[in-house]
Structure formats: structure tokens, C-alpha cells
């Protein structure tokens, strides 16, 4: 049995997207990303026993999310007001 996972999934999150983390007292957490038509869950390999590599993966996920947030904030600030300008032109 292989212990690796492979594949590719691209999720374009819109205004209806929802992100949450479900936690339990005796099993590993479940990270959920939901958009209309898609529900993605990320969890530990063994739900009953969180391993050190699960902690390492979670830290890497947080770091990537921080970078994603910083870039979204930077680009939003760079282009802020342009959404309003487009709305005014359409009116």
C-alpha cells in the first residue's frame, strides 16, 4: 500500500466560498473548503493519531495561507477603487 497521495485540484473561490476547521476532542481536525459545486476536506492520514508530519504539514499549510493572504491584500490595495469605477461605468 502506498503512503503518498497525488493529484491536482484547482479551486476558484468566489463570494459564496466557505472555509472552516472542524475540531474534535479525540480525533484529528478536518479543514473544509466549500464552494458551490465543490466540497474539499483536508485531514490527517490517521484520524485517531496525529503524527509529527501532520503538524509539519499543518505548519506548511498555514505558511502558504499567510503568503496567499498577503498577496491578496497587496493586490487588493493596489487595485482598490477599480471595482467601484467599473460599477460607475456600468450605471
PDB file of N, CA and C in Angstrom:
ATOM      1  N   UNK A   1       0.850  -1.185   0.000  1.00  0.00           N
ATOM      2  CA  UNK A   1       0.000   0.000   0.000  1.00  0.00           C
ATOM      3  C   UNK A   1       0.887   1.238   0.000  1.00  0.00           C
ATOM      4  N   UNK A   2       0.640   2.146  -0.885  1.00  0.00           N
ATOM      5  CA  UNK A   2       1.391   3.390  -0.979  1.00  0.00           C
ATOM      6  C   UNK A   2       0.943   4.379   0.091  1.00  0.00           C
ATOM      7  N   UNK A   3       1.888   5.134   0.621  1.00  0.00           N
ATOM      8  CA  UNK A   3       1.544   6.129   1.641  1.00  0.00           C
ATOM      9  C   UNK A   3       1.509   7.531   1.066  1.00  0.00           C
ATOM     10  N   UNK A   4       1.694   7.685  -0.229  1.00  0.00           N
ATOM     11  CA  UNK A   4       1.672   9.012  -0.836  1.00  0.00           C
ATOM     12  C   UNK A   4       0.356   9.253  -1.561  1.00  0.00           C
ATOM     13  N   UNK A   5       0.081  10.520  -1.776  1.00  0.00           N
ATOM     14  CA  UNK A   5      -1.120  10.929  -2.484  1.00  0.00           C
ATOM     15  C   UNK A   5      -0.701  11.821  -3.632  1.00  0.00           C
ATOM     16  N   UNK A   6      -1.344  11.697  -4.771  1.00  0.00           N
ATOM     17  CA  UNK A   6      -1.039  12.585  -5.887  1.00  0.00           C
ATOM     18  C   UNK A   6      -2.325  13.007  -6.557  1.00  0.00           C
ATOM     19  N   UNK A   7      -2.244  14.080  -7.284  1.00  0.00           N
ATOM     20  CA  UNK A   7      -3.398  14.598  -7.997  1.00  0.00           C
ATOM     21  C   UNK A   7      -3.294  16.098  -8.128  1.00  0.00           C
ATOM     22  N   UNK A   8      -4.287  16.692  -8.731  1.00  0.00           N
ATOM     23  CA  UNK A   8      -4.318  18.138  -8.909  1.00  0.00           C
ATOM     24  C   UNK A   8      -5.768  18.599  -8.820  1.00  0.00           C
ATOM     25  N   UNK A   9      -5.975  19.662  -8.078  1.00  0.00           N
ATOM     26  CA  UNK A   9      -7.293  20.235  -7.938  1.00  0.00           C
ATOM     27  C   UNK A   9      -7.129  21.744  -7.920  1.00  0.00           C
ATOM     28  N   UNK A  10      -7.861  22.436  -8.746  1.00  0.00           N
ATOM     29  CA  UNK A  10      -7.830  23.891  -8.781  1.00  0.00           C
ATOM     30  C   UNK A  10      -9.184  24.403  -8.317  1.00  0.00           C
ATOM     31  N   UNK A  11      -9.177  25.239  -7.288  1.00  0.00           N
ATOM     32  CA  UNK A  11     -10.413  25.770  -6.725  1.00  0.00           C
ATOM     33  C   UNK A  11     -10.405  27.279  -6.894  1.00  0.00           C
ATOM     34  N   UNK A  12     -11.376  27.802  -7.604  1.00  0.00           N
ATOM     35  CA  UNK A  12     -11.534  29.246  -7.772  1.00  0.00           C
ATOM     36  C   UNK A  12     -12.599  29.693  -6.783  1.00  0.00           C
ATOM     37  N   UNK A  13     -12.157  30.355  -5.720  1.00  0.00           N
ATOM     38  CA  UNK A  13     -13.072  30.727  -4.646  1.00  0.00           C
ATOM     39  C   UNK A  13     -13.735  32.056  -4.961  1.00  0.00           C
ATOM     40  N   UNK A  14     -15.032  32.086  -4.805  1.00  0.00           N
ATOM     41  CA  UNK A  14     -15.799  33.297  -5.044  1.00  0.00           C
ATOM     42  C   UNK A  14     -16.453  33.792  -3.774  1.00  0.00           C
ATOM     43  N   UNK A  15     -17.418  34.652  -3.933  1.00  0.00           N
ATOM     44  CA  UNK A  15     -18.089  35.265  -2.784  1.00  0.00           C
ATOM     45  C   UNK A  15     -18.846  34.245  -1.938  1.00  0.00           C
ATOM     46  N   UNK A  16     -19.236  33.115  -2.513  1.00  0.00           N
ATOM     47  CA  UNK A  16     -20.002  32.110  -1.771  1.00  0.00           C
ATOM     48  C   UNK A  16     -19.128  31.045  -1.113  1.00  0.00           C
ATOM     49  N   UNK A  17     -17.809  31.207  -1.172  1.00  0.00           N
ATOM     50  CA  UNK A  17     -16.903  30.210  -0.594  1.00  0.00           C
ATOM     51  C   UNK A  17     -16.967  30.243   0.929  1.00  0.00           C
ATOM     52  N   UNK A  18     -16.730  29.081   1.511  1.00  0.00           N
ATOM     53  CA  UNK A  18     -16.701  28.968   2.973  1.00  0.00           C
ATOM     54  C   UNK A  18     -15.511  28.102   3.369  1.00  0.00           C
ATOM     55  N   UNK A  19     -14.770  28.570   4.363  1.00  0.00           N
ATOM     56  CA  UNK A  19     -13.628  27.827   4.876  1.00  0.00           C
ATOM     57  C   UNK A  19     -13.820  27.679   6.381  1.00  0.00           C
ATOM     58  N   UNK A  20     -13.682  26.455   6.880  1.00  0.00           N
ATOM     59  CA  UNK A  20     -13.821  26.231   8.314  1.00  0.00           C
ATOM     60  C   UNK A  20     -12.972  25.042   8.729  1.00  0.00           C
ATOM     61  N   UNK A  21     -12.701  24.956  10.013  1.00  0.00           N
ATOM     62  CA  UNK A  21     -11.972  23.824  10.567  1.00  0.00           C
ATOM     63  C   UNK A  21     -12.823  23.174  11.647  1.00  0.00           C
ATOM     64  N   UNK A  22     -13.106  21.910  11.445  1.00  0.00           N
ATOM     65  CA  UNK A  22     -13.882  21.148  12.420  1.00  0.00           C
ATOM     66  C   UNK A  22     -12.915  20.471  13.382  1.00  0.00           C
ATOM     67  N   UNK A  23     -13.121  20.638  14.675  1.00  0.00           N
ATOM     68  CA  UNK A  23     -12.246  20.019  15.664  1.00  0.00           C
ATOM     69  C   UNK A  23     -13.040  19.110  16.580  1.00  0.00           C
ATOM     70  N   UNK A  24     -12.356  18.115  17.085  1.00  0.00           N
ATOM     71  CA  UNK A  24     -12.962  17.106  17.947  1.00  0.00           C
ATOM     72  C   UNK A  24     -12.030  16.845  19.120  1.00  0.00           C
ATOM     73  N   UNK A  25     -12.568  16.346  20.219  1.00  0.00           N
ATOM     74  CA  UNK A  25     -11.750  16.121  21.407  1.00  0.00           C
ATOM     75  C   UNK A  25     -10.792  14.947  21.272  1.00  0.00           C
ATOM     76  N   UNK A  26     -11.131  13.927  20.483  1.00  0.00           N
ATOM     77  CA  UNK A  26     -10.309  12.727  20.452  1.00  0.00           C
ATOM     78  C   UNK A  26      -9.840  12.280  19.066  1.00  0.00           C
ATOM     79  N   UNK A  27     -10.052  13.095  18.039  1.00  0.00           N
ATOM     80  CA  UNK A  27      -9.563  12.765  16.699  1.00  0.00           C
ATOM     81  C   UNK A  27      -9.020  14.021  16.042  1.00  0.00           C
ATOM     82  N   UNK A  28      -8.302  13.825  14.945  1.00  0.00           N
ATOM     83  CA  UNK A  28      -7.683  14.940  14.233  1.00  0.00           C
ATOM     84  C   UNK A  28      -8.696  15.898  13.634  1.00  0.00           C
ATOM     85  N   UNK A  29      -8.272  17.134  13.380  1.00  0.00           N
ATOM     86  CA  UNK A  29      -9.158  18.144  12.812  1.00  0.00           C
ATOM     87  C   UNK A  29      -9.437  17.888  11.329  1.00  0.00           C
ATOM     88  N   UNK A  30     -10.465  18.528  10.826  1.00  0.00           N
ATOM     89  CA  UNK A  30     -10.808  18.470   9.404  1.00  0.00           C
ATOM     90  C   UNK A  30     -10.941  19.900   8.901  1.00  0.00           C
ATOM     91  N   UNK A  31     -10.124  20.254   7.926  1.00  0.00           N
ATOM     92  CA  UNK A  31     -10.204  21.562   7.281  1.00  0.00           C
ATOM     93  C   UNK A  31     -11.136  21.426   6.083  1.00  0.00           C
ATOM     94  N   UNK A  32     -12.144  22.288   5.997  1.00  0.00           N
ATOM     95  CA  UNK A  32     -13.150  22.206   4.931  1.00  0.00           C
ATOM     96  C   UNK A  32     -13.138  23.482   4.100  1.00  0.00           C
ATOM     97  N   UNK A  33     -13.133  23.310   2.787  1.00  0.00           N
ATOM     98  CA  UNK A  33     -13.267  24.414   1.838  1.00  0.00           C
ATOM     99  C   UNK A  33     -14.467  24.076   0.969  1.00  0.00           C
ATOM    100  N   UNK A  34     -15.464  24.944   0.997  1.00  0.00           N
ATOM    101  CA  UNK A  34     -16.688  24.694   0.231  1.00  0.00           C
ATOM    102  C   UNK A  34     -16.980  25.853  -0.700  1.00  0.00           C
ATOM    103  N   UNK A  35     -17.320  25.520  -1.914  1.00  0.00           N
ATOM    104  CA  UNK A  35     -17.817  26.479  -2.894  1.00  0.00           C
ATOM    105  C   UNK A  35     -19.024  25.819  -3.545  1.00  0.00           C
ATOM    106  N   UNK A  36     -19.856  26.586  -4.236  1.00  0.00           N
ATOM    107  CA  UNK A  36     -20.968  25.934  -4.927  1.00  0.00           C
ATOM    108  C   UNK A  36     -20.437  24.843  -5.872  1.00  0.00           C
ATOM    109  N   UNK A  37     -20.859  23.628  -5.659  1.00  0.00           N
ATOM    110  CA  UNK A  37     -20.457  22.524  -6.516  1.00  0.00           C
ATOM    111  C   UNK A  37     -19.210  21.775  -6.070  1.00  0.00           C
ATOM    112  N   UNK A  38     -18.555  22.196  -4.974  1.00  0.00           N
ATOM    113  CA  UNK A  38     -17.344  21.515  -4.531  1.00  0.00           C
ATOM    114  C   UNK A  38     -17.230  21.570  -3.014  1.00  0.00           C
ATOM    115  N   UNK A  39     -16.827  20.458  -2.434  1.00  0.00           N
ATOM    116  CA  UNK A  39     -16.529  20.416  -1.000  1.00  0.00           C
ATOM    117  C   UNK A  39     -15.219  19.662  -0.848  1.00  0.00           C
ATOM    118  N   UNK A  40     -14.182  20.354  -0.386  1.00  0.00           N
ATOM    119  CA  UNK A  40     -12.855  19.786  -0.207  1.00  0.00           C
ATOM    120  C   UNK A  40     -12.568  19.654   1.280  1.00  0.00           C
ATOM    121  N   UNK A  41     -12.073  18.496   1.698  1.00  0.00           N
ATOM    122  CA  UNK A  41     -11.668  18.323   3.089  1.00  0.00           C
ATOM    123  C   UNK A  41     -10.202  17.922   3.130  1.00  0.00           C
ATOM    124  N   UNK A  42      -9.506  18.443   4.127  1.00  0.00           N
ATOM    125  CA  UNK A  42      -8.114  18.097   4.375  1.00  0.00           C
ATOM    126  C   UNK A  42      -8.055  17.582   5.803  1.00  0.00           C
ATOM    127  N   UNK A  43      -7.518  16.385   5.969  1.00  0.00           N
ATOM    128  CA  UNK A  43      -7.430  15.826   7.310  1.00  0.00           C
ATOM    129  C   UNK A  43      -6.150  15.027   7.452  1.00  0.00           C
ATOM    130  N   UNK A  44      -5.872  14.602   8.667  1.00  0.00           N
ATOM    131  CA  UNK A  44      -4.681  13.806   8.919  1.00  0.00           C
ATOM    132  C   UNK A  44      -4.875  12.397   8.364  1.00  0.00           C
ATOM    133  N   UNK A  45      -3.758  11.750   8.058  1.00  0.00           N
ATOM    134  CA  UNK A  45      -3.834  10.406   7.469  1.00  0.00           C
ATOM    135  C   UNK A  45      -4.509   9.435   8.418  1.00  0.00           C
ATOM    136  N   UNK A  46      -4.134   9.479   9.681  1.00  0.00           N
ATOM    137  CA  UNK A  46      -4.766   8.633  10.695  1.00  0.00           C
ATOM    138  C   UNK A  46      -5.520   9.551  11.644  1.00  0.00           C
ATOM    139  N   UNK A  47      -6.817   9.545  11.582  1.00  0.00           N
ATOM    140  CA  UNK A  47      -7.630  10.480  12.358  1.00  0.00           C
ATOM    141  C   UNK A  47      -7.453  10.309  13.859  1.00  0.00           C
ATOM    142  N   UNK A  48      -7.122   9.082  14.314  1.00  0.00           N
ATOM    143  CA  UNK A  48      -7.017   8.836  15.745  1.00  0.00           C
ATOM    144  C   UNK A  48      -5.656   9.220  16.309  1.00  0.00           C
ATOM    145  N   UNK A  49      -4.622   9.313  15.466  1.00  0.00           N
ATOM    146  CA  UNK A  49      -3.267   9.577  15.950  1.00  0.00           C
ATOM    147  C   UNK A  49      -2.603  10.633  15.078  1.00  0.00           C
ATOM    148  N   UNK A  50      -2.531  11.846  15.556  1.00  0.00           N
ATOM    149  CA  UNK A  50      -1.871  12.920  14.814  1.00  0.00           C
ATOM    150  C   UNK A  50      -0.361  12.742  14.981  1.00  0.00           C
ATOM    151  N   UNK A  51       0.347  12.643  13.875  1.00  0.00           N
ATOM    152  CA  UNK A  51       1.791  12.393  13.862  1.00  0.00           C
ATOM    153  C   UNK A  51       2.560  13.705  13.690  1.00  0.00           C
ATOM    154  N   UNK A  52       3.869  13.642  13.900  1.00  0.00           N
ATOM    155  CA  UNK A  52       4.701  14.850  13.762  1.00  0.00           C
ATOM    156  C   UNK A  52       4.650  15.402  12.342  1.00  0.00           C
ATOM    157  N   UNK A  53       4.562  14.529  11.327  1.00  0.00           N
ATOM    158  CA  UNK A  53       4.472  15.029   9.956  1.00  0.00           C
ATOM    159  C   UNK A  53       3.136  15.732   9.696  1.00  0.00           C
ATOM    160  N   UNK A  54       2.078  15.359  10.442  1.00  0.00           N
ATOM    161  CA  UNK A  54       0.804  16.078  10.332  1.00  0.00           C
ATOM    162  C   UNK A  54       0.969  17.515  10.831  1.00  0.00           C
ATOM    163  N   UNK A  55       1.707  17.671  11.926  1.00  0.00           N
ATOM    164  CA  UNK A  55       1.983  19.007  12.465  1.00  0.00           C
ATOM    165  C   UNK A  55       2.826  19.799  11.468  1.00  0.00           C
ATOM    166  N   UNK A  56       3.840  19.160  10.880  1.00  0.00           N
ATOM    167  CA  UNK A  56       4.676  19.824   9.869  1.00  0.00           C
ATOM    168  C   UNK A  56       3.841  20.252   8.668  1.00  0.00           C
ATOM    169  N   UNK A  57       2.950  19.369   8.209  1.00  0.00           N
ATOM    170  CA  UNK A  57       2.070  19.705   7.077  1.00  0.00           C
ATOM    171  C   UNK A  57       1.139  20.861   7.426  1.00  0.00           C
ATOM    172  N   UNK A  58       0.606  20.866   8.632  1.00  0.00           N
ATOM    173  CA  UNK A  58      -0.285  21.945   9.060  1.00  0.00           C
ATOM    174  C   UNK A  58       0.464  23.272   9.105  1.00  0.00           C
ATOM    175  N   UNK A  59       1.694  23.251   9.592  1.00  0.00           N
ATOM    176  CA  UNK A  59       2.510  24.476   9.616  1.00  0.00           C
ATOM    177  C   UNK A  59       2.790  24.983   8.209  1.00  0.00           C
ATOM    178  N   UNK A  60       3.090  24.075   7.281  1.00  0.00           N
ATOM    179  CA  UNK A  60       3.325  24.464   5.888  1.00  0.00           C
ATOM    180  C   UNK A  60       2.059  25.047   5.274  1.00  0.00           C
ATOM    181  N   UNK A  61       0.914  24.467   5.603  1.00  0.00           N
ATOM    182  CA  UNK A  61      -0.365  24.972   5.112  1.00  0.00           C
ATOM    183  C   UNK A  61      -0.626  26.389   5.619  1.00  0.00           C
ATOM    184  N   UNK A  62      -0.351  26.617   6.903  1.00  0.00           N
ATOM    185  CA  UNK A  62      -0.529  27.955   7.483  1.00  0.00           C
ATOM    186  C   UNK A  62       0.395  28.958   6.807  1.00  0.00           C
ATOM    187  N   UNK A  63       1.640  28.580   6.585  1.00  0.00           N
ATOM    188  CA  UNK A  63       2.594  29.497   5.941  1.00  0.00           C
ATOM    189  C   UNK A  63       2.154  29.831   4.517  1.00  0.00           C
ATOM    190  N   UNK A  64       1.697  28.829   3.779  1.00  0.00           N
ATOM    191  CA  UNK A  64       1.208  29.085   2.419  1.00  0.00           C
ATOM    192  C   UNK A  64      -0.034  29.969   2.449  1.00  0.00           C
ATOM    193  N   UNK A  65      -0.924  29.748   3.417  1.00  0.00           N
ATOM    194  CA  UNK A  65      -2.129  30.578   3.548  1.00  0.00           C
ATOM    195  C   UNK A  65      -1.757  32.015   3.897  1.00  0.00           C
ATOM    196  N   UNK A  66      -0.744  32.201   4.747  1.00  0.00           N
ATOM    197  CA  UNK A  66      -0.278  33.563   5.074  1.00  0.00           C
ATOM    198  C   UNK A  66       0.241  34.275   3.833  1.00  0.00           C
ATOM    199  N   UNK A  67       1.003  33.562   3.015  1.00  0.00           N
ATOM    200  CA  UNK A  67       1.516  34.141   1.779  1.00  0.00           C
ATOM    201  C   UNK A  67       0.365  34.483   0.831  1.00  0.00           C
ATOM    202  N   UNK A  68      -0.599  33.581   0.710  1.00  0.00           N
ATOM    203  CA  UNK A  68      -1.777  33.816  -0.135  1.00  0.00           C
ATOM    204  C   UNK A  68      -2.523  35.063   0.335  1.00  0.00           C
ATOM    205  N   UNK A  69      -2.736  35.174   1.650  1.00  0.00           N
ATOM    206  CA  UNK A  69      -3.416  36.344   2.221  1.00  0.00           C
ATOM    207  C   UNK A  69      -2.641  37.621   1.932  1.00  0.00           C
ATOM    208  N   UNK A  70      -1.350  37.612   2.150  1.00  0.00           N
ATOM    209  CA  UNK A  70      -0.526  38.807   1.920  1.00  0.00           C
ATOM    210  C   UNK A  70      -0.611  39.261   0.465  1.00  0.00           C
ATOM    211  N   UNK A  71      -0.574  38.305  -0.459  1.00  0.00           N
ATOM    212  CA  UNK A  71      -0.673  38.659  -1.876  1.00  0.00           C
ATOM    213  C   UNK A  71      -2.064  39.186  -2.233  1.00  0.00           C
ATOM    214  N   UNK A  72      -3.109  38.578  -1.686  1.00  0.00           N
ATOM    215  CA  UNK A  72      -4.469  39.076  -1.924  1.00  0.00           C
ATOM    216  C   UNK A  72      -4.615  40.498  -1.391  1.00  0.00           C
ATOM    217  N   UNK A  73      -4.113  40.733  -0.180  1.00  0.00           N
ATOM    218  CA  UNK A  73      -4.201  42.078   0.410  1.00  0.00           C
ATOM    219  C   UNK A  73      -3.396  43.090  -0.404  1.00  0.00           C
ATOM    220  N   UNK A  74      -2.201  42.702  -0.848  1.00  0.00           N
ATOM    221  CA  UNK A  74      -1.362  43.599  -1.646  1.00  0.00           C
ATOM    222  C   UNK A  74      -2.048  43.962  -2.959  1.00  0.00           C
ATOM    223  N   UNK A  75      -2.550  42.958  -3.648  1.00  0.00           N
ATOM    224  CA  UNK A  75      -3.193  43.212  -4.939  1.00  0.00           C
ATOM    225  C   UNK A  75      -4.508  43.966  -4.781  1.00  0.00           C
ATOM    226  N   UNK A  76      -5.246  43.681  -3.720  1.00  0.00           N
ATOM    227  CA  UNK A  76      -6.486  44.405  -3.467  1.00  0.00           C
ATOM    228  C   UNK A  76      -6.196  45.877  -3.207  1.00  0.00           C
ATOM    229  N   UNK A  77      -5.171  46.147  -2.406  1.00  0.00           N
ATOM    230  CA  UNK A  77      -4.797  47.542  -2.120  1.00  0.00           C
ATOM    231  C   UNK A  77      -4.309  48.244  -3.381  1.00  0.00           C
ATOM    232  N   UNK A  78      -3.581  47.525  -4.211  1.00  0.00           N
ATOM    233  CA  UNK A  78      -3.056  48.088  -5.457  1.00  0.00           C
ATOM    234  C   UNK A  78      -4.180  48.493  -6.406  1.00  0.00           C
ATOM    235  N   UNK A  79      -5.232  47.696  -6.421  1.00  0.00           N
ATOM    236  CA  UNK A  79      -6.335  47.927  -7.354  1.00  0.00           C
ATOM    237  C   UNK A  79      -7.604  48.419  -6.674  1.00  0.00           C
ATOM    238  N   UNK A  80      -7.510  48.801  -5.408  1.00  0.00           N
ATOM    239  CA  UNK A  80      -8.722  49.238  -4.704  1.00  0.00           C
ATOM    240  C   UNK A  80      -9.322  50.447  -5.394  1.00  0.00           C
ATOM    241  N   UNK A  81     -10.616  50.458  -5.440  1.00  0.00           N
ATOM    242  CA  UNK A  81     -11.331  51.537  -6.114  1.00  0.00           C
ATOM    243  C   UNK A  81     -11.667  51.201  -7.553  1.00  0.00           C
ATOM    244  N   UNK A  82     -10.938  50.279  -8.179  1.00  0.00           N
ATOM    245  CA  UNK A  82     -11.229  49.940  -9.565  1.00  0.00           C
ATOM    246  C   UNK A  82     -12.554  49.205  -9.687  1.00  0.00           C
ATOM    247  N   UNK A  83     -12.928  48.420  -8.685  1.00  0.00           N
ATOM    248  CA  UNK A  83     -14.239  47.768  -8.709  1.00  0.00           C
ATOM    249  C   UNK A  83     -15.331  48.818  -8.719  1.00  0.00           C
ATOM    250  N   UNK A  84     -15.146  49.883  -7.913  1.00  0.00           N
ATOM    251  CA  UNK A  84     -16.124  50.958  -7.852  1.00  0.00           C
ATOM    252  C   UNK A  84     -16.195  51.711  -9.167  1.00  0.00           C
ATOM    253  N   UNK A  85     -15.041  51.905  -9.815  1.00  0.00           N
ATOM    254  CA  UNK A  85     -15.020  52.612 -11.090  1.00  0.00           C
ATOM    255  C   UNK A  85     -15.786  51.809 -12.139  1.00  0.00           C
ATOM    256  N   UNK A  86     -15.579  50.498 -12.186  1.00  0.00           N
ATOM    257  CA  UNK A  86     -16.299  49.654 -13.123  1.00  0.00           C
ATOM    258  C   UNK A  86     -17.790  49.683 -12.891  1.00  0.00           C
ATOM    259  N   UNK A  87     -18.210  49.742 -11.638  1.00  0.00           N
ATOM    260  CA  UNK A  87     -19.633  49.815 -11.309  1.00  0.00           C
ATOM    261  C   UNK A  87     -20.237  51.134 -11.782  1.00  0.00           C
ATOM    262  N   UNK A  88     -19.467  52.213 -11.620  1.00  0.00           N
ATOM    263  CA  UNK A  88     -19.958  53.517 -12.055  1.00  0.00           C
ATOM    264  C   UNK A  88     -20.125  53.580 -13.565  1.00  0.00           C
ATOM    265  N   UNK A  89     -19.209  52.962 -14.302  1.00  0.00           N
ATOM    266  CA  UNK A  89     -19.293  52.972 -15.762  1.00  0.00           C
ATOM    267  C   UNK A  89     -20.517  52.188 -16.234  1.00  0.00           C
ATOM    268  N   UNK A  90     -20.858  51.121 -15.539  1.00  0.00           N
ATOM    269  CA  UNK A  90     -21.983  50.292 -15.932  1.00  0.00           C
ATOM    270  C   UNK A  90     -23.319  50.990 -15.646  1.00  0.00           C
ATOM    271  N   UNK A  91     -23.321  51.920 -14.730  1.00  0.00           N
ATOM    272  CA  UNK A  91     -24.569  52.575 -14.334  1.00  0.00           C
ATOM    273  C   UNK A  91     -25.052  53.576 -15.359  1.00  0.00           C
TER     274      UNK A  91
END
